[in-house]
Amino acid sequence: MSSPLHLHVVELTVALGNSPCLGPRGPRGGVPAEARPEVVAIARELHGQRISLRKISAALAARGYVTAGGKPYVATAVQAMLR
């Protein structure tokens, strides 16, 4: 169970755009994919070309789309974007 303070911090972080990570868990584990629709659109376009998840991650990083820590998305994060 999340405290009201935790939810407030997460909402503020998302509003400021400081947390570009994508994940299926929403505010408890990452920002939902809907928060970065341009990243999801690129990932889906590349996936439609039958490009591997790791290569999609590399392509996103080459375009400047990385995690909050500045690292490329892992394959499982790309897979979550495609759901």
Protein backbone atom coordinates (compact mmCIF):
# COMPACT_ATOMS: atom_id res chain seq x y z
CA MET A 1 0.00 0.00 0.00
CA SER A 2 1.46 3.34 -1.02
CA SER A 3 1.46 6.34 1.23
CA PRO A 4 -0.10 9.59 0.00
CA LEU A 5 3.37 11.18 0.11
CA HIS A 6 4.80 8.50 -2.17
CA LEU A 7 2.03 9.01 -4.72
CA HIS A 8 2.53 12.78 -4.59
CA VAL A 9 6.26 12.41 -5.27
CA VAL A 10 5.60 10.05 -8.18
CA GLU A 11 2.99 12.38 -9.68
CA LEU A 12 5.35 15.34 -9.33
CA THR A 13 8.21 13.40 -10.90
CA VAL A 14 6.04 12.46 -13.87
CA ALA A 15 4.72 16.02 -14.22
CA LEU A 16 8.25 17.40 -14.33
CA GLY A 17 9.28 14.82 -16.88
CA ASN A 18 12.19 13.63 -14.76
CA SER A 19 11.36 9.94 -15.02
CA PRO A 20 11.21 8.72 -18.63
CA CYS A 21 11.37 5.04 -17.66
CA LEU A 22 8.59 2.92 -19.01
CA GLY A 23 7.15 -0.09 -17.32
CA PRO A 24 4.00 -2.10 -16.84
CA ARG A 25 3.70 -1.34 -13.12
CA GLY A 26 2.61 2.29 -13.31
CA PRO A 27 3.38 4.64 -10.43
CA ARG A 28 4.90 1.92 -8.24
CA GLY A 29 7.51 0.75 -10.75
CA GLY A 30 7.80 3.21 -13.58
CA VAL A 31 5.96 5.68 -15.70
CA PRO A 32 3.26 4.09 -17.87
CA ALA A 33 4.07 3.92 -21.56
CA GLU A 34 1.39 6.52 -22.27
CA ALA A 35 3.65 9.15 -20.68
CA ARG A 36 6.11 8.85 -23.59
CA PRO A 37 3.94 8.10 -26.64
CA GLU A 38 6.70 9.10 -29.09
CA VAL A 39 8.99 6.37 -27.69
CA VAL A 40 6.23 3.77 -27.89
CA ALA A 41 5.39 4.80 -31.47
CA ILE A 42 9.02 4.39 -32.57
CA ALA A 43 9.30 1.03 -30.78
CA ARG A 44 6.11 -0.23 -32.42
CA GLU A 45 7.23 0.94 -35.86
CA LEU A 46 10.55 -0.89 -35.51
CA HIS A 47 8.85 -3.97 -34.09
CA GLY A 48 6.59 -4.00 -37.14
CA GLN A 49 9.74 -4.27 -39.24
CA ARG A 50 10.59 -7.44 -37.27
CA ILE A 51 13.55 -5.87 -35.51
CA SER A 52 14.70 -7.53 -32.28
CA LEU A 53 13.97 -5.98 -28.89
CA ARG A 54 17.67 -5.34 -28.27
CA LYS A 55 18.07 -3.61 -31.61
CA ILE A 56 14.98 -1.52 -30.89
CA SER A 57 16.60 -0.51 -27.60
CA ALA A 58 19.78 0.48 -29.43
CA ALA A 59 17.79 2.46 -32.00
CA LEU A 60 15.92 4.32 -29.26
CA ALA A 61 19.21 5.13 -27.51
CA ALA A 62 20.69 6.38 -30.79
CA ARG A 63 17.75 8.78 -31.03
CA GLY A 64 18.29 9.98 -27.46
CA TYR A 65 15.53 7.97 -25.76
CA VAL A 66 17.12 6.39 -22.70
CA THR A 67 16.13 5.59 -19.11
CA ALA A 68 16.22 8.11 -16.28
CA GLY A 69 19.67 6.77 -15.46
CA GLY A 70 20.87 7.57 -18.97
CA LYS A 71 21.17 3.94 -20.07
CA PRO A 72 19.45 2.23 -23.00
CA TYR A 73 16.20 0.44 -22.25
CA VAL A 74 16.56 -3.27 -21.51
CA ALA A 75 14.74 -5.70 -23.79
CA THR A 76 12.02 -6.39 -21.21
CA ALA A 77 11.24 -2.67 -20.98
CA VAL A 78 10.88 -2.50 -24.77
CA GLN A 79 8.65 -5.55 -24.63
CA ALA A 80 6.46 -3.82 -22.03
CA MET A 81 6.14 -0.79 -24.35
CA LEU A 82 4.77 -3.04 -27.07
CA ARG A 83 1.93 -4.42 -24.92
